[in-house]
Structures are given as structure tokens and as C-alpha cells.
C-alpha atoms as a PDB file:
ATOM      1  CA  MET A   1      52.319  91.361 -37.621  1.00  0.00           C
ATOM      2  CA  LEU A   2      50.167  94.353 -38.661  1.00  0.00           C
ATOM      3  CA  LEU A   3      47.906  92.100 -40.697  1.00  0.00           C
ATOM      4  CA  LEU A   4      47.635  89.705 -37.748  1.00  0.00           C
ATOM      5  CA  CYS A   5      46.573  92.561 -35.444  1.00  0.00           C
ATOM      6  CA  LYS A   6      43.981  93.698 -37.981  1.00  0.00           C
ATOM      7  CA  PHE A   7      42.737  90.107 -38.194  1.00  0.00           C
ATOM      8  CA  PHE A   8      42.314  89.912 -34.412  1.00  0.00           C
ATOM      9  CA  ALA A   9      40.663  93.368 -34.309  1.00  0.00           C
ATOM     10  CA  LYS A  10      38.177  92.293 -36.970  1.00  0.00           C
ATOM     11  CA  LEU A  11      37.355  89.133 -35.018  1.00  0.00           C
ATOM     12  CA  GLN A  12      36.883  91.199 -31.877  1.00  0.00           C
ATOM     13  CA  GLU A  13      34.551  93.529 -33.771  1.00  0.00           C
ATOM     14  CA  ILE A  14      32.525  90.568 -35.050  1.00  0.00           C
ATOM     15  CA  PHE A  15      32.286  88.746 -31.738  1.00  0.00           C
ATOM     16  CA  GLY A  16      31.929  91.892 -29.627  1.00  0.00           C
ATOM     17  CA  ASN A  17      28.178  92.037 -30.122  1.00  0.00           C
ATOM     18  CA  TYR A  18      27.701  88.518 -28.775  1.00  0.00           C
ATOM     19  CA  ALA A  19      30.241  88.047 -26.014  1.00  0.00           C
ATOM     20  CA  GLU A  20      33.275  89.603 -24.438  1.00  0.00           C
ATOM     21  CA  CYS A  21      36.246  88.442 -26.435  1.00  0.00           C
ATOM     22  CA  ASP A  22      39.656  89.992 -25.775  1.00  0.00           C
ATOM     23  CA  LEU A  23      42.743  89.597 -27.916  1.00  0.00           C
ATOM     24  CA  PHE A  24      44.221  86.936 -25.649  1.00  0.00           C
ATOM     25  CA  THR A  25      41.131  84.735 -26.091  1.00  0.00           C
ATOM     26  CA  LEU A  26      41.292  85.198 -29.845  1.00  0.00           C
ATOM     27  CA  TRP A  27      44.984  84.330 -29.797  1.00  0.00           C
ATOM     28  CA  VAL A  28      44.265  81.093 -27.918  1.00  0.00           C
ATOM     29  CA  LEU A  29      41.482  80.240 -30.380  1.00  0.00           C
ATOM     30  CA  TYR A  30      43.826  80.971 -33.259  1.00  0.00           C
ATOM     31  CA  ARG A  31      46.516  78.668 -31.834  1.00  0.00           C
ATOM     32  CA  TYR A  32      44.010  75.848 -31.363  1.00  0.00           C
ATOM     33  CA  PHE A  33      42.713  76.399 -34.892  1.00  0.00           C
ATOM     34  CA  MET A  34      46.219  76.287 -36.400  1.00  0.00           C
ATOM     35  CA  ALA A  35      47.105  73.161 -34.406  1.00  0.00           C
ATOM     36  CA  PHE A  36      43.943  71.503 -35.700  1.00  0.00           C
ATOM     37  CA  MET A  37      44.736  72.458 -39.304  1.00  0.00           C
ATOM     38  CA  ILE A  38      48.315  71.148 -39.033  1.00  0.00           C
ATOM     39  CA  HIS A  39      47.109  67.795 -37.708  1.00  0.00           C
ATOM     40  CA  TYR A  40      44.399  67.736 -40.388  1.00  0.00           C
ATOM     41  CA  PHE A  41      46.885  68.188 -43.235  1.00  0.00           C
ATOM     42  CA  ILE A  42      49.283  65.643 -41.722  1.00  0.00           C
ATOM     43  CA  ILE A  43      46.472  63.083 -41.619  1.00  0.00           C
ATOM     44  CA  LEU A  44      45.546  63.906 -45.214  1.00  0.00           C
ATOM     45  CA  ALA A  45      49.176  63.464 -46.295  1.00  0.00           C
ATOM     46  CA  VAL A  46      49.400  60.076 -44.563  1.00  0.00           C
ATOM     47  CA  ILE A  47      46.116  58.915 -46.132  1.00  0.00           C
ATOM     48  CA  PHE A  48      47.286  60.079 -49.573  1.00  0.00           C
ATOM     49  CA  ASP A  49      50.595  58.238 -49.136  1.00  0.00           C
ATOM     50  CA  ILE A  50      48.783  55.031 -48.148  1.00  0.00           C
ATOM     51  CA  MET A  51      46.369  55.313 -51.077  1.00  0.00           C
ATOM     52  CA  THR A  52      49.197  55.991 -53.546  1.00  0.00           C
ATOM     53  CA  THR A  53      51.248  53.036 -52.344  1.00  0.00           C
ATOM     54  CA  THR A  54      48.187  50.805 -52.518  1.00  0.00           C
ATOM     55  CA  ASP A  55      47.572  51.939 -56.098  1.00  0.00           C
ATOM     56  CA  TYR A  56      51.195  51.186 -56.986  1.00  0.00           C
ATOM     57  CA  GLN A  57      50.810  47.704 -55.541  1.00  0.00           C
ATOM     58  CA  LYS A  58      47.672  47.116 -57.608  1.00  0.00           C
ATOM     59  CA  ILE A  59      49.633  47.801 -60.791  1.00  0.00           C
ATOM     60  CA  ILE A  60      52.671  45.813 -59.640  1.00  0.00           C
ATOM     61  CA  ARG A  61      50.404  42.813 -59.048  1.00  0.00           C
ATOM     62  CA  GLN A  62      49.593  42.912 -62.784  1.00  0.00           C
ATOM     63  CA  THR A  63      53.228  42.109 -63.611  1.00  0.00           C
ATOM     64  CA  ALA A  64      53.572  39.458 -66.301  1.00  0.00           C
ATOM     65  CA  PHE A  65      56.531  37.646 -67.837  1.00  0.00           C
ATOM     66  CA  SER A  66      57.624  39.101 -71.168  1.00  0.00           C
ATOM     67  CA  LEU A  67      60.766  37.347 -72.422  1.00  0.00           C
ATOM     68  CA  SER A  68      64.193  35.940 -71.561  1.00  0.00           C
ATOM     69  CA  ALA A  69      67.240  37.244 -73.403  1.00  0.00           C
ATOM     70  CA  PRO A  70      70.592  35.411 -73.476  1.00  0.00           C
ATOM     71  CA  THR A  71      72.361  38.613 -74.597  1.00  0.00           C
ATOM     72  CA  LEU A  72      71.676  42.340 -74.588  1.00  0.00           C
ATOM     73  CA  LYS A  73      71.174  42.263 -78.346  1.00  0.00           C
ATOM     74  CA  LEU A  74      67.987  40.254 -77.844  1.00  0.00           C
ATOM     75  CA  CYS A  75      66.518  42.534 -75.158  1.00  0.00           C
ATOM     76  CA  PRO A  76      63.280  44.478 -75.784  1.00  0.00           C
ATOM     77  CA  PRO A  77      63.595  47.879 -77.489  1.00  0.00           C
ATOM     78  CA  ASP A  78      65.401  50.423 -75.316  1.00  0.00           C
ATOM     79  CA  THR A  79      62.292  52.528 -74.624  1.00  0.00           C
ATOM     80  CA  GLY A  80      60.031  53.167 -71.654  1.00  0.00           C
ATOM     81  CA  PHE A  81      61.254  52.559 -68.105  1.00  0.00           C
ATOM     82  CA  GLU A  82      63.130  49.651 -66.549  1.00  0.00           C
ATOM     83  CA  VAL A  83      64.216  48.788 -63.016  1.00  0.00           C
ATOM     84  CA  ALA A  84      66.838  46.048 -62.692  1.00  0.00           C
ATOM     85  CA  PHE A  85      67.033  43.558 -59.817  1.00  0.00           C
ATOM     86  CA  ALA A  86      70.582  42.356 -59.196  1.00  0.00           C
ATOM     87  CA  GLY A  87      72.327  40.329 -56.525  1.00  0.00           C
ATOM     88  CA  ARG A  88      74.342  37.264 -55.676  1.00  0.00           C
ATOM     89  CA  SER A  89      72.894  33.915 -56.670  1.00  0.00           C
ATOM     90  CA  ASN A  90      71.627  33.257 -53.135  1.00  0.00           C
ATOM     91  CA  ALA A  91      70.486  36.807 -52.287  1.00  0.00           C
ATOM     92  CA  GLY A  92      66.781  36.076 -52.808  1.00  0.00           C
ATOM     93  CA  LYS A  93      66.026  37.937 -56.061  1.00  0.00           C
ATOM     94  CA  SER A  94      63.335  35.527 -57.235  1.00  0.00           C
ATOM     95  CA  SER A  95      61.670  35.527 -53.816  1.00  0.00           C
ATOM     96  CA  ALA A  96      61.651  39.330 -53.716  1.00  0.00           C
ATOM     97  CA  ILE A  97      60.112  39.645 -57.188  1.00  0.00           C
ATOM     98  CA  ASN A  98      57.500  36.984 -56.444  1.00  0.00           C
ATOM     99  CA  THR A  99      56.627  38.607 -53.120  1.00  0.00           C
ATOM    100  CA  ILE A 100      56.280  42.177 -54.385  1.00  0.00           C
ATOM    101  CA  THR A 101      54.130  41.000 -57.324  1.00  0.00           C
ATOM    102  CA  HIS A 102      52.119  38.575 -55.141  1.00  0.00           C
ATOM    103  CA  GLN A 103      52.841  35.758 -57.608  1.00  0.00           C
ATOM    104  CA  LYS A 104      54.527  32.612 -56.328  1.00  0.00           C
ATOM    105  CA  GLN A 105      55.965  31.365 -59.634  1.00  0.00           C
ATOM    106  CA  LEU A 106      56.591  34.542 -61.643  1.00  0.00           C
ATOM    107  CA  ALA A 107      60.371  34.561 -61.204  1.00  0.00           C
ATOM    108  CA  ARG A 108      61.894  31.108 -60.963  1.00  0.00           C
ATOM    109  CA  SER A 109      65.241  30.330 -59.410  1.00  0.00           C
ATOM    110  CA  SER A 110      67.498  27.638 -60.785  1.00  0.00           C
ATOM    111  CA  LYS A 111      68.060  24.482 -58.733  1.00  0.00           C
ATOM    112  CA  THR A 112      71.760  25.058 -59.391  1.00  0.00           C
ATOM    113  CA  PRO A 113      72.574  28.645 -58.282  1.00  0.00           C
ATOM    114  CA  GLY A 114      74.405  30.691 -60.899  1.00  0.00           C
ATOM    115  CA  ARG A 115      73.486  28.429 -63.812  1.00  0.00           C
ATOM    116  CA  THR A 116      70.601  30.536 -65.139  1.00  0.00           C
ATOM    117  CA  GLN A 117      72.426  33.122 -67.248  1.00  0.00           C
ATOM    118  CA  MET A 118      69.449  34.887 -68.828  1.00  0.00           C
ATOM    119  CA  ILE A 119      68.079  38.413 -68.537  1.00  0.00           C
ATOM    120  CA  ASN A 120      64.381  38.063 -67.702  1.00  0.00           C
ATOM    121  CA  PHE A 121      61.939  40.878 -68.490  1.00  0.00           C
ATOM    122  CA  PHE A 122      58.562  41.377 -66.813  1.00  0.00           C
ATOM    123  CA  ASN A 123      55.978  43.933 -67.918  1.00  0.00           C
ATOM    124  CA  VAL A 124      54.479  45.935 -65.041  1.00  0.00           C
ATOM    125  CA  GLY A 125      51.008  46.924 -66.198  1.00  0.00           C
ATOM    126  CA  SER A 126      52.264  47.739 -69.707  1.00  0.00           C
ATOM    127  CA  PRO A 127      55.245  46.960 -71.973  1.00  0.00           C
ATOM    128  CA  ASP A 128      56.614  50.454 -71.269  1.00  0.00           C
ATOM    129  CA  SER A 129      57.270  49.642 -67.593  1.00  0.00           C
ATOM    130  CA  ARG A 130      59.520  46.658 -66.917  1.00  0.00           C
ATOM    131  CA  ILE A 131      61.172  44.807 -64.066  1.00  0.00           C
ATOM    132  CA  VAL A 132      64.422  43.178 -65.190  1.00  0.00           C
ATOM    133  CA  ASP A 133      65.767  40.128 -63.365  1.00  0.00           C
ATOM    134  CA  LEU A 134      69.515  40.068 -64.021  1.00  0.00           C
ATOM    135  CA  PRO A 135      71.540  36.835 -63.766  1.00  0.00           C
ATOM    136  CA  GLY A 136      72.812  36.019 -60.294  1.00  0.00           C
ATOM    137  CA  TYR A 137      76.530  36.399 -59.727  1.00  0.00           C
ATOM    138  CA  GLY A 138      79.232  35.315 -57.315  1.00  0.00           C
ATOM    139  CA  TYR A 139      78.654  31.562 -57.373  1.00  0.00           C
ATOM    140  CA  ALA A 140      81.911  29.599 -57.270  1.00  0.00           C
ATOM    141  CA  GLN A 141      80.840  26.691 -59.505  1.00  0.00           C
ATOM    142  CA  VAL A 142      80.172  28.874 -62.551  1.00  0.00           C
ATOM    143  CA  PRO A 143      82.955  28.446 -65.175  1.00  0.00           C
ATOM    144  CA  GLU A 144      85.421  31.341 -65.263  1.00  0.00           C
ATOM    145  CA  GLY A 145      84.743  32.050 -68.937  1.00  0.00           C
ATOM    146  CA  MET A 146      81.022  32.443 -68.252  1.00  0.00           C
ATOM    147  CA  LYS A 147      81.752  34.764 -65.323  1.00  0.00           C
ATOM    148  CA  ILE A 148      83.876  37.070 -67.474  1.00  0.00           C
ATOM    149  CA  LYS A 149      81.296  37.068 -70.283  1.00  0.00           C
ATOM    150  CA  TRP A 150      78.442  38.049 -67.991  1.00  0.00           C
ATOM    151  CA  GLN A 151      80.456  40.645 -66.131  1.00  0.00           C
ATOM    152  CA  LYS A 152      80.934  42.438 -69.445  1.00  0.00           C
ATOM    153  CA  GLU A 153      77.242  42.036 -70.319  1.00  0.00           C
ATOM    154  CA  LEU A 154      76.122  43.394 -66.945  1.00  0.00           C
ATOM    155  CA  GLU A 155      78.484  46.364 -67.132  1.00  0.00           C
ATOM    156  CA  ASN A 156      77.288  47.170 -70.642  1.00  0.00           C
ATOM    157  CA  TYR A 157      73.654  46.939 -69.549  1.00  0.00           C
ATOM    158  CA  LEU A 158      74.010  49.100 -66.429  1.00  0.00           C
ATOM    159  CA  VAL A 159      76.108  51.790 -68.083  1.00  0.00           C
ATOM    160  CA  ASN A 160      74.482  52.047 -71.524  1.00  0.00           C
ATOM    161  CA  ARG A 161      70.808  51.009 -71.219  1.00  0.00           C
ATOM    162  CA  GLN A 162      68.871  54.271 -71.695  1.00  0.00           C
ATOM    163  CA  SER A 163      65.526  53.021 -70.362  1.00  0.00           C
ATOM    164  CA  LEU A 164      67.099  51.853 -67.092  1.00  0.00           C
ATOM    165  CA  THR A 165      65.962  54.243 -64.341  1.00  0.00           C
ATOM    166  CA  GLY A 166      67.291  52.496 -61.240  1.00  0.00           C
ATOM    167  CA  LEU A 167      68.981  49.455 -59.732  1.00  0.00           C
ATOM    168  CA  ILE A 168      67.555  47.329 -56.925  1.00  0.00           C
ATOM    169  CA  LEU A 169      70.567  45.632 -55.348  1.00  0.00           C
ATOM    170  CA  LEU A 170      69.722  42.666 -53.135  1.00  0.00           C
ATOM    171  CA  THR A 171      72.213  41.503 -50.553  1.00  0.00           C
ATOM    172  CA  ASP A 172      71.873  39.037 -47.671  1.00  0.00           C
ATOM    173  CA  ILE A 173      71.697  41.027 -44.430  1.00  0.00           C
ATOM    174  CA  ARG A 174      74.036  38.505 -42.780  1.00  0.00           C
ATOM    175  CA  HIS A 175      76.747  39.023 -45.451  1.00  0.00           C
ATOM    176  CA  PRO A 176      76.089  42.448 -47.020  1.00  0.00           C
ATOM    177  CA  LEU A 177      77.976  44.074 -49.892  1.00  0.00           C
ATOM    178  CA  LYS A 178      80.525  41.566 -51.050  1.00  0.00           C
ATOM    179  CA  TYR A 179      83.138  42.307 -53.718  1.00  0.00           C
ATOM    180  CA  PHE A 180      80.900  41.905 -56.759  1.00  0.00           C
ATOM    181  CA  ASP A 181      78.073  43.847 -55.098  1.00  0.00           C
ATOM    182  CA  GLU A 182      80.470  46.780 -54.872  1.00  0.00           C
ATOM    183  CA  GLN A 183      81.412  46.262 -58.517  1.00  0.00           C
ATOM    184  CA  MET A 184      77.721  46.540 -59.449  1.00  0.00           C
ATOM    185  CA  LEU A 185      77.515  49.760 -57.442  1.00  0.00           C
ATOM    186  CA  HIS A 186      80.497  51.223 -59.307  1.00  0.00           C
ATOM    187  CA  TRP A 187      78.852  50.384 -62.640  1.00  0.00           C
ATOM    188  CA  ALA A 188      75.618  51.972 -61.442  1.00  0.00           C
ATOM    189  CA  LYS A 189      77.591  55.096 -60.555  1.00  0.00           C
ATOM    190  CA  ASP A 190      79.168  55.119 -64.030  1.00  0.00           C
ATOM    191  CA  GLY A 191      75.666  54.899 -65.513  1.00  0.00           C
ATOM    192  CA  ASP A 192      74.301  57.686 -63.237  1.00  0.00           C
ATOM    193  CA  LEU A 193      71.797  55.246 -61.759  1.00  0.00           C
ATOM    194  CA  PRO A 194      70.156  55.620 -58.354  1.00  0.00           C
ATOM    195  CA  VAL A 195      70.460  52.473 -56.242  1.00  0.00           C
ATOM    196  CA  HIS A 196      67.998  51.027 -53.746  1.00  0.00           C
ATOM    197  CA  VAL A 197      69.565  48.351 -51.549  1.00  0.00           C
ATOM    198  CA  LEU A 198      67.443  45.551 -50.102  1.00  0.00           C
ATOM    199  CA  LEU A 199      68.942  43.872 -47.066  1.00  0.00           C
ATOM    200  CA  THR A 200      67.176  40.574 -47.662  1.00  0.00           C
ATOM    201  CA  LYS A 201      66.372  37.746 -45.247  1.00  0.00           C
ATOM    202  CA  ALA A 202      65.945  40.266 -42.430  1.00  0.00           C
ATOM    203  CA  ASP A 203      63.928  37.640 -40.554  1.00  0.00           C
ATOM    204  CA  LYS A 204      67.181  35.746 -39.929  1.00  0.00           C
ATOM    205  CA  LEU A 205      68.383  38.418 -37.468  1.00  0.00           C
ATOM    206  CA  LYS A 206      66.967  39.995 -34.335  1.00  0.00           C
ATOM    207  CA  ARG A 207      66.051  43.688 -34.322  1.00  0.00           C
ATOM    208  CA  GLY A 208      69.298  44.828 -32.736  1.00  0.00           C
ATOM    209  CA  ALA A 209      71.424  42.946 -35.259  1.00  0.00           C
ATOM    210  CA  GLN A 210      69.222  44.247 -38.103  1.00  0.00           C
ATOM    211  CA  LYS A 211      69.828  47.840 -37.013  1.00  0.00           C
ATOM    212  CA  THR A 212      73.575  47.259 -36.753  1.00  0.00           C
ATOM    213  CA  ALA A 213      73.742  45.731 -40.250  1.00  0.00           C
ATOM    214  CA  LEU A 214      71.652  48.585 -41.646  1.00  0.00           C
ATOM    215  CA  LEU A 215      73.937  51.267 -40.191  1.00  0.00           C
ATOM    216  CA  GLN A 216      77.132  49.504 -41.286  1.00  0.00           C
ATOM    217  CA  THR A 217      75.860  49.060 -44.845  1.00  0.00           C
ATOM    218  CA  LYS A 218      74.817  52.724 -44.981  1.00  0.00           C
ATOM    219  CA  LYS A 219      78.378  53.735 -44.103  1.00  0.00           C
ATOM    220  CA  GLN A 220      79.747  51.544 -46.905  1.00  0.00           C
ATOM    221  CA  LEU A 221      77.342  53.091 -49.401  1.00  0.00           C
ATOM    222  CA  GLN A 222      78.102  56.649 -48.289  1.00  0.00           C
ATOM    223  CA  ALA A 223      81.793  56.021 -48.923  1.00  0.00           C
ATOM    224  CA  LEU A 224      80.994  55.186 -52.570  1.00  0.00           C
ATOM    225  CA  ASP A 225      79.456  58.648 -53.139  1.00  0.00           C
ATOM    226  CA  LEU A 226      76.403  57.619 -55.163  1.00  0.00           C
ATOM    227  CA  PRO A 227      72.656  58.268 -54.825  1.00  0.00           C
ATOM    228  CA  PHE A 228      71.199  55.450 -52.760  1.00  0.00           C
ATOM    229  CA  SER A 229      68.441  54.396 -50.404  1.00  0.00           C
ATOM    230  CA  ILE A 230      68.331  51.274 -48.261  1.00  0.00           C
ATOM    231  CA  GLN A 231      65.788  49.174 -46.409  1.00  0.00           C
ATOM    232  CA  LEU A 232      65.229  45.911 -44.578  1.00  0.00           C
ATOM    233  CA  PHE A 233      63.351  43.241 -46.505  1.00  0.00           C
ATOM    234  CA  SER A 234      61.942  39.812 -45.733  1.00  0.00           C
ATOM    235  CA  ALA A 235      60.050  37.780 -48.314  1.00  0.00           C
ATOM    236  CA  LEU A 236      59.081  35.325 -45.575  1.00  0.00           C
ATOM    237  CA  ASN A 237      57.502  37.923 -43.266  1.00  0.00           C
ATOM    238  CA  LYS A 238      56.386  40.282 -46.067  1.00  0.00           C
ATOM    239  CA  GLU A 239      58.492  43.022 -44.457  1.00  0.00           C
ATOM    240  CA  GLY A 240      59.335  46.093 -46.542  1.00  0.00           C
ATOM    241  CA  LEU A 241      56.762  45.623 -49.322  1.00  0.00           C
ATOM    242  CA  ASP A 242      55.269  49.119 -49.077  1.00  0.00           C
ATOM    243  CA  GLU A 243      58.645  50.840 -49.266  1.00  0.00           C
ATOM    244  CA  LEU A 244      59.782  48.727 -52.217  1.00  0.00           C
ATOM    245  CA  ALA A 245      56.477  49.305 -54.044  1.00  0.00           C
ATOM    246  CA  ASP A 246      56.926  53.049 -53.598  1.00  0.00           C
ATOM    247  CA  VAL A 247      60.437  52.932 -55.096  1.00  0.00           C
ATOM    248  CA  LEU A 248      59.251  50.862 -58.065  1.00  0.00           C
ATOM    249  CA  GLY A 249      56.241  53.116 -58.570  1.00  0.00           C
ATOM    250  CA  ASN A 250      58.424  56.219 -58.777  1.00  0.00           C
ATOM    251  CA  TRP A 251      61.186  54.735 -60.930  1.00  0.00           C
ATOM    252  CA  LEU A 252      58.762  53.047 -63.351  1.00  0.00           C
ATOM    253  CA  HIS A 253      56.574  56.180 -63.523  1.00  0.00           C
ATOM    254  CA  LEU A 254      53.536  54.138 -62.534  1.00  0.00           C
ATOM    255  CA  GLY A 255      51.805  57.359 -61.497  1.00  0.00           C
ATOM    256  CA  GLU A 256      51.372  58.100 -65.209  1.00  0.00           C
ATOM    257  CA  THR A 257      49.671  54.723 -65.626  1.00  0.00           C
ATOM    258  CA  LEU A 258      47.390  55.537 -62.692  1.00  0.00           C
ATOM    259  CA  ASN A 259      46.482  58.889 -64.266  1.00  0.00           C
ATOM    260  CA  LEU A 260      45.654  57.204 -67.565  1.00  0.00           C
ATOM    261  CA  GLU A 261      43.513  54.599 -65.824  1.00  0.00           C
ATOM    262  CA  ASN A 262      41.688  57.304 -63.870  1.00  0.00           C
ATOM    263  CA  ALA A 263      41.168  59.321 -67.062  1.00  0.00           C
ATOM    264  CA  ASP A 264      39.756  56.261 -68.841  1.00  0.00           C
ATOM    265  CA  PHE A 265      37.473  55.636 -65.855  1.00  0.00           C
ATOM    266  CA  ASP A 266      36.246  59.253 -65.890  1.00  0.00           C
ATOM    267  CA  ASN A 267      35.665  59.147 -69.660  1.00  0.00           C
ATOM    268  CA  GLU A 268      33.723  55.911 -69.310  1.00  0.00           C
ATOM    269  CA  ASN A 269      31.547  57.423 -66.587  1.00  0.00           C
ATOM    270  CA  LEU A 270      30.991  60.542 -68.701  1.00  0.00           C
ATOM    271  CA  ALA A 271      29.974  58.422 -71.684  1.00  0.00           C
ATOM    272  CA  ASN A 272      27.570  56.425 -69.505  1.00  0.00           C
ATOM    273  CA  ASP A 273      26.049  59.645 -68.134  1.00  0.00           C
ATOM    274  CA  LYS A 274      25.507  60.971 -71.653  1.00  0.00           C
ATOM    275  CA  LEU A 275      23.918  57.676 -72.669  1.00  0.00           C
ATOM    276  CA  ASP A 276      21.615  57.759 -69.647  1.00  0.00           C
ATOM    277  CA  ASN A 277      20.600  61.356 -70.413  1.00  0.00           C
ATOM    278  CA  THR A 278      19.914  60.472 -74.053  1.00  0.00           C
ATOM    279  CA  GLU A 279      17.735  57.538 -73.050  1.00  0.00           C
ATOM    280  CA  LEU A 280      15.909  59.731 -70.523  1.00  0.00           C
ATOM    281  CA  ASN A 281      15.213  62.401 -73.164  1.00  0.00           C
ATOM    282  CA  ASN A 282      13.952  59.768 -75.583  1.00  0.00           C
ATOM    283  CA  ASP A 283      11.590  58.440 -72.934  1.00  0.00           C
ATOM    284  CA  ASN A 284      10.233  61.943 -72.373  1.00  0.00           C
END
């Protein structure tokens, strides 16, 4: 408070030679100035957030297919960062991956749901950042022996894969969190994985029903006592892309890729400047 009074007294001393300026006037000016600065920094924060998300999306659009592995033994080396997409066979995993990467045929769904039992890896900008498309589960026509085999594979992957930084769990907003979805969540908890839930096909419900489903699913997740976030998503309407891109960018450490790209760009500009200066000196 003493410093504030000294500040006002100094302002009064400065402005006293030019106009009458009492402490109340200075206080009003100070409040307006602080309000302006608060709004200024809020706007800067929003612009930075938009620019960061846009940069994440630019890298995510560079996603390319790497390989398909029938077992964990044939997966890429357990290094770098991975984010796994998991969900029931009809939850819309392929559509979500294709939509967030802006590539229509990157992830392909089987004509017979549940029959594609492969782990598909996609490099996001570099081999050290990967999206992993896990086999769909919960389809009745899959043989029981295959179900048991892949349940063990999925549990092993979620609990023991060191490069796995998070799980994107996709569930139809009209039928959220079925039995095997909850099993996946328990495995994620055992592996200390954060979970981001996509309530897919949000376009199928009206806003009121969407909000109800979102709140009910949140309650189910809170009861499981694990780190989670949740959002609405629609591949058809492109709803939720920014939020999903932000999650992927953080979990895949894409900010490090952005920093490297910016550093390379700065080095290239510096080299060009040196070359231009050299040519200019030679001309002189």
C-alpha cells in the first residue's frame, strides 16, 4: 500500500505542472490501465492457444502409415511417444483418425467389424511420435478364442508399453462405456495412463441429449478414480477437432517437433543472411 501511495504521489508530481490531477483521478486512470492490460493479456493468451493448436494440426496432417503388427512382438521399438486409439468395432475409430489427420483413407475399417485384428502404427511427423490404432473389440461374431487372445494382447500393451503416453477411448455417445470399455479403463489405470474419452457420433443427438450423455459419462469416469478428460466428437460435422489435436499435441510432445522446426527455420535464415552479406562484400 505504501508503494502504491508513493506511485500515485510521483504521478501527481509529474502531472502537477500540466494539469490538476488528484489522487482519485490517478486511481481511476490506474484502474482503467489495469483493466486494459488484463484484457490485453487474455487476448494474447487466446491468440497463442489458437496458433499452438493450428501448429499441432499442421504436424498431425503429416501423419503417415508405418506398419501393421499382428502381435506386440512385431511392434516398432518401444521408444518415443505413442497415443493409442481404442474402442468398440463400431465406435468410429477409423473415422476419427482420418478426420483429425485430414486424410480420408489413412485408417481403413474392415467391411466385417471385428475381423481386423492388427495393431496399426502411424508416424506423426516423425517415427518418434506415433498414433496407434488398436483392434476393435466387442463384436459378437468374433470367435471366442480370438477374443481371449486379443484381450491378453491389449492388456499387455496398455500396462507394459513404455512409450505409451495416453489412451484415446472412443465410445458411441448413444451407448457410452460398455463392459469392455470399462475393462480398457481399468487396464489404463493399471498402466498409469491418462485417458481422453471421445463421445463419438455426437451429431446423432440434439444438444440437450449430448449434454446429458456427457454428464452421465463423466460420473462413470469419476467413479473409476483415474486421470481423464472427455469431449464431444463428430467426424461428420468436424466437431471437437481442436480439442483432440491439443490432447495429441501434448501427449506426443509435438511442441518439441515445433521447436526443432522453428530452430531449423531460424538457422536456414541465418545461413541465408550470411550468404547475402558475403556476396554483398564481394561485390564491394
